[in-house]
Amino acid sequence: MNTPNINVTPLIDVLLVLLIIFMVIAPAKPTAFQAKIPSVPNKSDDVRPNPNALIVTINPDHTLVLNREDGQGTIEDSDRIVARLREVFADRTNNGIFRYGTNEIEKTVFIKAPKKLDYGSVARIVDAVKVAGAAPIGLQIDELQ
């Protein structure tokens, strides 16, 4: 008499198809976005602002300001801020303004935005500042909590 057997071949076929589907759907390599988290500064440190700091401020009405210079465009139209940053970097190259302790031109830019602004808008300005040649780019915060 023949004993009944369970045929597992279709089950294995289905599992392999599911495995292939999940491997295709899952990203092979996540995009690299390196973030350096600032630490809480010591209260006793005498920290003075850098006179060469470039701060791009995003106002709540989506207009851009570079170091208190109004009229640098908007989030949707960032061509003026890119042109102005390129001009500043060219001046620094001609005048030899270097990053502290190195022989690299100072191209650090900080971006300050209201907390209620969506991440996509900030990311557009980060991309525009990168196009202008800024490196590194920092996101400015008021308090560490």
N, C-alpha and C. Protein backbone atom coordinates (compact mmCIF):
# COMPACT_ATOMS: atom_id res chain seq x y z
N MET A 1 0.83 -1.16 0.00
CA MET A 1 0.00 0.00 0.00
C MET A 1 0.89 1.25 0.00
N ASN A 2 0.47 2.22 -0.79
CA ASN A 2 1.24 3.47 -0.89
C ASN A 2 0.87 4.41 0.25
N THR A 3 1.88 4.99 0.85
CA THR A 3 1.63 5.98 1.89
C THR A 3 1.58 7.37 1.25
N PRO A 4 0.66 8.21 1.71
CA PRO A 4 0.56 9.55 1.11
C PRO A 4 1.77 10.41 1.49
N ASN A 5 2.24 11.18 0.53
CA ASN A 5 3.37 12.11 0.73
C ASN A 5 2.92 13.54 0.40
N ILE A 6 3.53 14.47 1.08
CA ILE A 6 3.26 15.88 0.79
C ILE A 6 4.31 16.35 -0.22
N ASN A 7 3.83 16.91 -1.31
CA ASN A 7 4.72 17.43 -2.33
C ASN A 7 5.08 18.88 -1.96
N VAL A 8 6.32 19.14 -1.57
CA VAL A 8 6.74 20.47 -1.13
C VAL A 8 7.35 21.28 -2.27
N THR A 9 7.44 20.74 -3.44
CA THR A 9 8.05 21.46 -4.56
C THR A 9 7.30 22.76 -4.89
N PRO A 10 5.96 22.77 -4.98
CA PRO A 10 5.28 24.05 -5.25
C PRO A 10 5.50 25.07 -4.13
N LEU A 11 5.56 24.61 -2.90
CA LEU A 11 5.80 25.52 -1.78
C LEU A 11 7.18 26.17 -1.89
N ILE A 12 8.18 25.40 -2.24
CA ILE A 12 9.54 25.94 -2.40
C ILE A 12 9.58 26.91 -3.58
N ASP A 13 8.86 26.59 -4.66
CA ASP A 13 8.81 27.50 -5.80
C ASP A 13 8.21 28.85 -5.41
N VAL A 14 7.12 28.83 -4.67
CA VAL A 14 6.48 30.07 -4.23
C VAL A 14 7.41 30.85 -3.31
N LEU A 15 8.08 30.19 -2.40
CA LEU A 15 9.00 30.86 -1.49
C LEU A 15 10.17 31.50 -2.24
N LEU A 16 10.69 30.81 -3.23
CA LEU A 16 11.79 31.38 -4.02
C LEU A 16 11.33 32.60 -4.82
N VAL A 17 10.12 32.55 -5.36
CA VAL A 17 9.58 33.71 -6.08
C VAL A 17 9.42 34.89 -5.13
N LEU A 18 8.89 34.64 -3.93
CA LEU A 18 8.75 35.71 -2.94
C LEU A 18 10.11 36.28 -2.54
N LEU A 19 11.09 35.42 -2.38
CA LEU A 19 12.43 35.87 -2.04
C LEU A 19 12.99 36.78 -3.13
N ILE A 20 12.81 36.40 -4.37
CA ILE A 20 13.30 37.23 -5.48
C ILE A 20 12.56 38.57 -5.52
N ILE A 21 11.25 38.55 -5.29
CA ILE A 21 10.49 39.80 -5.29
C ILE A 21 10.98 40.72 -4.19
N PHE A 22 11.19 40.22 -2.98
CA PHE A 22 11.67 41.05 -1.89
C PHE A 22 13.08 41.57 -2.15
N MET A 23 13.91 40.78 -2.79
CA MET A 23 15.27 41.23 -3.10
C MET A 23 15.25 42.35 -4.12
N VAL A 24 14.32 42.32 -5.06
CA VAL A 24 14.22 43.37 -6.07
C VAL A 24 13.63 44.64 -5.47
N ILE A 25 12.63 44.49 -4.61
CA ILE A 25 11.97 45.65 -4.02
C ILE A 25 12.89 46.37 -3.04
N ALA A 26 13.59 45.64 -2.22
CA ALA A 26 14.46 46.25 -1.21
C ALA A 26 15.63 46.94 -1.92
N PRO A 27 15.97 48.15 -1.49
CA PRO A 27 17.10 48.83 -2.13
C PRO A 27 18.40 48.09 -1.85
N ALA A 28 19.23 48.02 -2.88
CA ALA A 28 20.49 47.31 -2.75
C ALA A 28 21.43 48.04 -1.80
N LYS A 29 21.47 49.37 -1.92
CA LYS A 29 22.36 50.15 -1.08
C LYS A 29 21.66 51.46 -0.75
N PRO A 30 21.46 51.76 0.51
CA PRO A 30 20.81 53.03 0.84
C PRO A 30 21.72 54.19 0.48
N THR A 31 21.10 55.32 0.16
CA THR A 31 21.90 56.49 -0.19
C THR A 31 22.65 56.97 1.04
N ALA A 32 23.85 57.42 0.82
CA ALA A 32 24.71 57.84 1.92
C ALA A 32 24.46 59.31 2.23
N PHE A 33 24.08 59.58 3.43
CA PHE A 33 23.93 60.95 3.91
C PHE A 33 24.61 60.99 5.27
N GLN A 34 25.80 61.54 5.30
CA GLN A 34 26.56 61.55 6.54
C GLN A 34 26.15 62.75 7.37
N ALA A 35 25.87 62.51 8.61
CA ALA A 35 25.48 63.57 9.52
C ALA A 35 26.39 63.54 10.74
N LYS A 36 26.90 64.69 11.10
CA LYS A 36 27.70 64.82 12.31
C LYS A 36 26.84 65.55 13.33
N ILE A 37 26.51 64.88 14.39
CA ILE A 37 25.67 65.44 15.43
C ILE A 37 26.54 66.27 16.37
N PRO A 38 26.17 67.54 16.58
CA PRO A 38 26.98 68.36 17.48
C PRO A 38 26.79 67.94 18.92
N SER A 39 27.82 68.13 19.71
CA SER A 39 27.73 67.83 21.13
C SER A 39 27.42 69.12 21.89
N VAL A 40 27.01 68.96 23.12
CA VAL A 40 26.69 70.11 23.94
C VAL A 40 27.99 70.83 24.29
N PRO A 41 28.09 72.13 23.99
CA PRO A 41 29.33 72.84 24.29
C PRO A 41 29.48 73.08 25.79
N ASN A 42 30.72 73.18 26.23
CA ASN A 42 30.99 73.50 27.63
C ASN A 42 30.57 74.94 27.90
N LYS A 43 29.98 75.17 29.04
CA LYS A 43 29.55 76.52 29.40
C LYS A 43 30.75 77.44 29.62
N SER A 44 31.90 76.87 29.98
CA SER A 44 33.07 77.69 30.29
C SER A 44 33.85 78.11 29.05
N ASP A 45 33.57 77.48 27.90
CA ASP A 45 34.30 77.83 26.68
C ASP A 45 33.91 79.22 26.21
N ASP A 46 34.92 79.99 25.81
CA ASP A 46 34.69 81.31 25.25
C ASP A 46 34.61 81.14 23.73
N VAL A 47 33.39 81.00 23.23
CA VAL A 47 33.19 80.75 21.81
C VAL A 47 32.80 82.06 21.13
N ARG A 48 33.57 82.43 20.13
CA ARG A 48 33.27 83.64 19.38
C ARG A 48 32.80 83.25 17.98
N PRO A 49 31.87 84.00 17.43
CA PRO A 49 31.39 83.66 16.09
C PRO A 49 32.48 83.89 15.04
N ASN A 50 32.46 83.04 14.03
CA ASN A 50 33.41 83.16 12.93
C ASN A 50 32.98 84.31 12.03
N PRO A 51 33.84 85.29 11.79
CA PRO A 51 33.43 86.42 10.94
C PRO A 51 33.23 86.02 9.48
N ASN A 52 33.77 84.87 9.08
CA ASN A 52 33.62 84.41 7.70
C ASN A 52 32.47 83.44 7.52
N ALA A 53 31.66 83.26 8.56
CA ALA A 53 30.56 82.30 8.48
C ALA A 53 29.51 82.77 7.48
N LEU A 54 29.05 81.84 6.68
CA LEU A 54 27.96 82.10 5.73
C LEU A 54 26.72 81.39 6.24
N ILE A 55 25.67 82.15 6.46
CA ILE A 55 24.43 81.58 6.98
C ILE A 55 23.30 81.90 6.01
N VAL A 56 22.72 80.85 5.45
CA VAL A 56 21.55 81.00 4.58
C VAL A 56 20.33 80.78 5.46
N THR A 57 19.53 81.82 5.61
CA THR A 57 18.33 81.75 6.44
C THR A 57 17.12 81.59 5.53
N ILE A 58 16.29 80.62 5.87
CA ILE A 58 15.03 80.42 5.15
C ILE A 58 13.93 81.03 6.01
N ASN A 59 13.29 82.05 5.50
CA ASN A 59 12.22 82.71 6.24
C ASN A 59 10.92 81.92 6.12
N PRO A 60 9.97 82.16 7.04
CA PRO A 60 8.69 81.44 6.95
C PRO A 60 7.94 81.66 5.64
N ASP A 61 8.19 82.80 4.96
CA ASP A 61 7.53 83.06 3.67
C ASP A 61 8.31 82.48 2.49
N HIS A 62 9.30 81.60 2.79
CA HIS A 62 10.12 80.86 1.81
C HIS A 62 11.14 81.73 1.09
N THR A 63 11.38 82.96 1.56
CA THR A 63 12.44 83.78 0.97
C THR A 63 13.76 83.42 1.62
N LEU A 64 14.85 83.68 0.89
CA LEU A 64 16.19 83.33 1.36
C LEU A 64 16.97 84.58 1.68
N VAL A 65 17.79 84.49 2.74
CA VAL A 65 18.64 85.59 3.17
C VAL A 65 20.04 85.02 3.38
N LEU A 66 21.05 85.71 2.86
CA LEU A 66 22.44 85.31 3.07
C LEU A 66 23.10 86.36 3.94
N ASN A 67 23.41 86.01 5.19
CA ASN A 67 24.06 86.93 6.13
C ASN A 67 23.39 88.31 6.13
N ARG A 68 22.11 88.33 6.31
CA ARG A 68 21.29 89.55 6.39
C ARG A 68 21.17 90.29 5.05
N GLU A 69 21.56 89.67 3.94
CA GLU A 69 21.35 90.25 2.61
C GLU A 69 20.04 89.70 2.06
N ASP A 70 19.01 90.52 2.04
CA ASP A 70 17.72 90.08 1.52
C ASP A 70 17.77 89.95 0.00
N GLY A 71 16.71 89.41 -0.55
CA GLY A 71 16.58 89.33 -2.00
C GLY A 71 17.44 88.26 -2.64
N GLN A 72 17.66 87.15 -1.95
CA GLN A 72 18.49 86.08 -2.49
C GLN A 72 17.66 84.96 -3.10
N GLY A 73 16.40 85.23 -3.41
CA GLY A 73 15.56 84.24 -4.05
C GLY A 73 14.62 83.58 -3.07
N THR A 74 14.02 82.49 -3.53
CA THR A 74 13.08 81.73 -2.72
C THR A 74 13.47 80.26 -2.77
N ILE A 75 12.76 79.46 -2.00
CA ILE A 75 13.01 78.02 -2.02
C ILE A 75 12.75 77.46 -3.42
N GLU A 76 11.70 77.95 -4.06
CA GLU A 76 11.34 77.46 -5.39
C GLU A 76 12.29 77.97 -6.47
N ASP A 77 12.89 79.15 -6.27
CA ASP A 77 13.80 79.75 -7.26
C ASP A 77 15.10 80.13 -6.55
N SER A 78 16.03 79.19 -6.50
CA SER A 78 17.26 79.39 -5.73
C SER A 78 18.45 79.81 -6.59
N ASP A 79 18.20 80.26 -7.81
CA ASP A 79 19.31 80.64 -8.71
C ASP A 79 20.12 81.80 -8.15
N ARG A 80 19.46 82.77 -7.51
CA ARG A 80 20.18 83.94 -6.99
C ARG A 80 21.11 83.58 -5.84
N ILE A 81 20.67 82.68 -4.96
CA ILE A 81 21.54 82.29 -3.84
C ILE A 81 22.73 81.50 -4.35
N VAL A 82 22.53 80.68 -5.38
CA VAL A 82 23.64 79.92 -5.96
C VAL A 82 24.65 80.88 -6.58
N ALA A 83 24.16 81.86 -7.35
CA ALA A 83 25.06 82.82 -7.98
C ALA A 83 25.81 83.65 -6.93
N ARG A 84 25.11 84.06 -5.88
CA ARG A 84 25.75 84.88 -4.83
C ARG A 84 26.80 84.07 -4.08
N LEU A 85 26.52 82.82 -3.77
CA LEU A 85 27.51 81.98 -3.08
C LEU A 85 28.73 81.74 -3.96
N ARG A 86 28.52 81.50 -5.25
CA ARG A 86 29.66 81.33 -6.16
C ARG A 86 30.52 82.58 -6.20
N GLU A 87 29.86 83.74 -6.17
CA GLU A 87 30.59 85.01 -6.16
C GLU A 87 31.41 85.15 -4.87
N VAL A 88 30.82 84.80 -3.74
CA VAL A 88 31.54 84.87 -2.46
C VAL A 88 32.72 83.91 -2.46
N PHE A 89 32.53 82.69 -2.96
CA PHE A 89 33.62 81.72 -3.00
C PHE A 89 34.73 82.16 -3.94
N ALA A 90 34.38 82.81 -5.06
CA ALA A 90 35.40 83.33 -5.98
C ALA A 90 36.19 84.45 -5.31
N ASP A 91 35.51 85.33 -4.57
CA ASP A 91 36.21 86.39 -3.83
C ASP A 91 37.15 85.79 -2.79
N ARG A 92 36.70 84.76 -2.11
CA ARG A 92 37.55 84.13 -1.10
C ARG A 92 38.75 83.45 -1.73
N THR A 93 38.58 82.89 -2.91
CA THR A 93 39.70 82.28 -3.62
C THR A 93 40.71 83.35 -4.01
N ASN A 94 40.23 84.48 -4.53
CA ASN A 94 41.12 85.57 -4.94
C ASN A 94 41.82 86.22 -3.76
N ASN A 95 41.15 86.30 -2.62
CA ASN A 95 41.72 86.97 -1.45
C ASN A 95 42.41 86.01 -0.49
N GLY A 96 42.36 84.73 -0.75
CA GLY A 96 43.05 83.75 0.08
C GLY A 96 42.46 83.60 1.47
N ILE A 97 41.15 83.52 1.56
CA ILE A 97 40.49 83.31 2.86
C ILE A 97 40.35 81.80 3.05
N PHE A 98 41.16 81.26 3.97
CA PHE A 98 41.24 79.82 4.16
C PHE A 98 40.48 79.38 5.40
N ARG A 99 40.09 78.12 5.40
CA ARG A 99 39.48 77.50 6.57
C ARG A 99 40.54 77.42 7.66
N TYR A 100 40.14 77.64 8.89
CA TYR A 100 41.08 77.68 10.01
C TYR A 100 41.90 76.40 10.08
N GLY A 101 43.21 76.54 10.09
CA GLY A 101 44.12 75.42 10.25
C GLY A 101 44.37 74.61 8.99
N THR A 102 43.87 75.05 7.84
CA THR A 102 44.08 74.32 6.60
C THR A 102 44.49 75.29 5.49
N ASN A 103 44.76 74.73 4.33
CA ASN A 103 45.03 75.57 3.17
C ASN A 103 43.89 75.45 2.15
N GLU A 104 42.69 75.14 2.64
CA GLU A 104 41.50 75.05 1.80
C GLU A 104 40.68 76.33 1.94
N ILE A 105 40.08 76.75 0.84
CA ILE A 105 39.24 77.95 0.87
C ILE A 105 38.03 77.68 1.77
N GLU A 106 37.67 78.67 2.58
CA GLU A 106 36.53 78.55 3.50
C GLU A 106 35.23 78.56 2.70
N LYS A 107 34.58 77.40 2.63
CA LYS A 107 33.32 77.26 1.90
C LYS A 107 32.23 76.65 2.77
N THR A 108 32.36 76.81 4.08
CA THR A 108 31.36 76.27 4.99
C THR A 108 30.12 77.16 4.95
N VAL A 109 28.97 76.53 4.84
CA VAL A 109 27.70 77.25 4.82
C VAL A 109 26.76 76.60 5.83
N PHE A 110 26.11 77.42 6.63
CA PHE A 110 25.10 76.95 7.57
C PHE A 110 23.73 77.34 7.03
N ILE A 111 22.78 76.46 7.21
CA ILE A 111 21.41 76.72 6.77
C ILE A 111 20.52 76.76 8.01
N LYS A 112 19.80 77.86 8.14
CA LYS A 112 18.91 78.04 9.29
C LYS A 112 17.48 78.16 8.77
N ALA A 113 16.62 77.31 9.29
CA ALA A 113 15.23 77.28 8.83
C ALA A 113 14.29 77.17 10.03
N PRO A 114 13.06 77.66 9.88
CA PRO A 114 12.10 77.50 10.97
C PRO A 114 11.76 76.03 11.18
N LYS A 115 11.42 75.69 12.41
CA LYS A 115 11.11 74.29 12.74
C LYS A 115 9.89 73.77 11.99
N LYS A 116 8.97 74.64 11.64
CA LYS A 116 7.73 74.21 10.98
C LYS A 116 7.91 73.97 9.48
N LEU A 117 9.05 74.31 8.93
CA LEU A 117 9.28 74.12 7.50
C LEU A 117 9.51 72.65 7.20
N ASP A 118 8.94 72.16 6.11
CA ASP A 118 9.07 70.74 5.79
C ASP A 118 10.49 70.41 5.34
N TYR A 119 10.86 69.14 5.51
CA TYR A 119 12.22 68.69 5.19
C TYR A 119 12.54 68.83 3.71
N GLY A 120 11.56 68.65 2.85
CA GLY A 120 11.79 68.76 1.41
C GLY A 120 12.28 70.14 1.02
N SER A 121 11.73 71.17 1.63
CA SER A 121 12.16 72.54 1.33
C SER A 121 13.60 72.77 1.77
N VAL A 122 13.94 72.27 2.94
CA VAL A 122 15.32 72.41 3.42
C VAL A 122 16.27 71.62 2.53
N ALA A 123 15.85 70.44 2.10
CA ALA A 123 16.69 69.61 1.23
C ALA A 123 16.95 70.31 -0.10
N ARG A 124 15.96 71.04 -0.63
CA ARG A 124 16.17 71.78 -1.88
C ARG A 124 17.24 72.84 -1.71
N ILE A 125 17.25 73.52 -0.58
CA ILE A 125 18.26 74.55 -0.34
C ILE A 125 19.62 73.90 -0.10
N VAL A 126 19.66 72.77 0.59
CA VAL A 126 20.93 72.05 0.77
C VAL A 126 21.50 71.68 -0.60
N ASP A 127 20.66 71.20 -1.51
CA ASP A 127 21.12 70.85 -2.85
C ASP A 127 21.61 72.08 -3.61
N ALA A 128 20.90 73.20 -3.48
CA ALA A 128 21.32 74.42 -4.17
C ALA A 128 22.66 74.91 -3.64
N VAL A 129 22.86 74.83 -2.34
CA VAL A 129 24.12 75.27 -1.74
C VAL A 129 25.26 74.34 -2.18
N LYS A 130 24.97 73.04 -2.31
CA LYS A 130 25.97 72.10 -2.82
C LYS A 130 26.36 72.45 -4.25
N VAL A 131 25.37 72.80 -5.07
CA VAL A 131 25.64 73.17 -6.46
C VAL A 131 26.56 74.39 -6.52
N ALA A 132 26.40 75.30 -5.57
CA ALA A 132 27.25 76.49 -5.53
C ALA A 132 28.69 76.16 -5.15
N GLY A 133 28.94 74.98 -4.60
CA GLY A 133 30.29 74.57 -4.25
C GLY A 133 30.60 74.56 -2.77
N ALA A 134 29.59 74.71 -1.94
CA ALA A 134 29.81 74.75 -0.49
C ALA A 134 30.11 73.35 0.05
N ALA A 135 31.04 73.32 0.99
CA ALA A 135 31.37 72.07 1.68
C ALA A 135 32.21 72.42 2.90
N PRO A 136 31.86 72.01 4.06
CA PRO A 136 30.68 71.26 4.47
C PRO A 136 29.47 72.17 4.62
N ILE A 137 28.32 71.54 4.75
CA ILE A 137 27.06 72.25 4.95
C ILE A 137 26.51 71.84 6.30
N GLY A 138 26.15 72.83 7.10
CA GLY A 138 25.61 72.55 8.42
C GLY A 138 24.20 73.08 8.56
N LEU A 139 23.41 72.39 9.37
CA LEU A 139 22.08 72.87 9.69
C LEU A 139 22.16 73.53 11.06
N GLN A 140 21.82 74.79 11.11
CA GLN A 140 21.97 75.55 12.35
C GLN A 140 20.74 75.36 13.23
N ILE A 141 21.01 75.15 14.51
CA ILE A 141 19.95 74.98 15.48
C ILE A 141 20.15 75.99 16.60
N ASP A 142 19.08 76.27 17.31
CA ASP A 142 19.16 77.25 18.39
C ASP A 142 19.60 76.61 19.70
N GLU A 143 19.01 75.47 20.04
CA GLU A 143 19.34 74.82 21.30
C GLU A 143 19.49 73.32 21.09
N LEU A 144 20.38 72.72 21.87
CA LEU A 144 20.51 71.26 21.85
C LEU A 144 19.65 70.71 22.97
N GLN A 145 18.73 69.83 22.64
CA GLN A 145 17.88 69.25 23.68
C GLN A 145 17.74 67.78 23.45
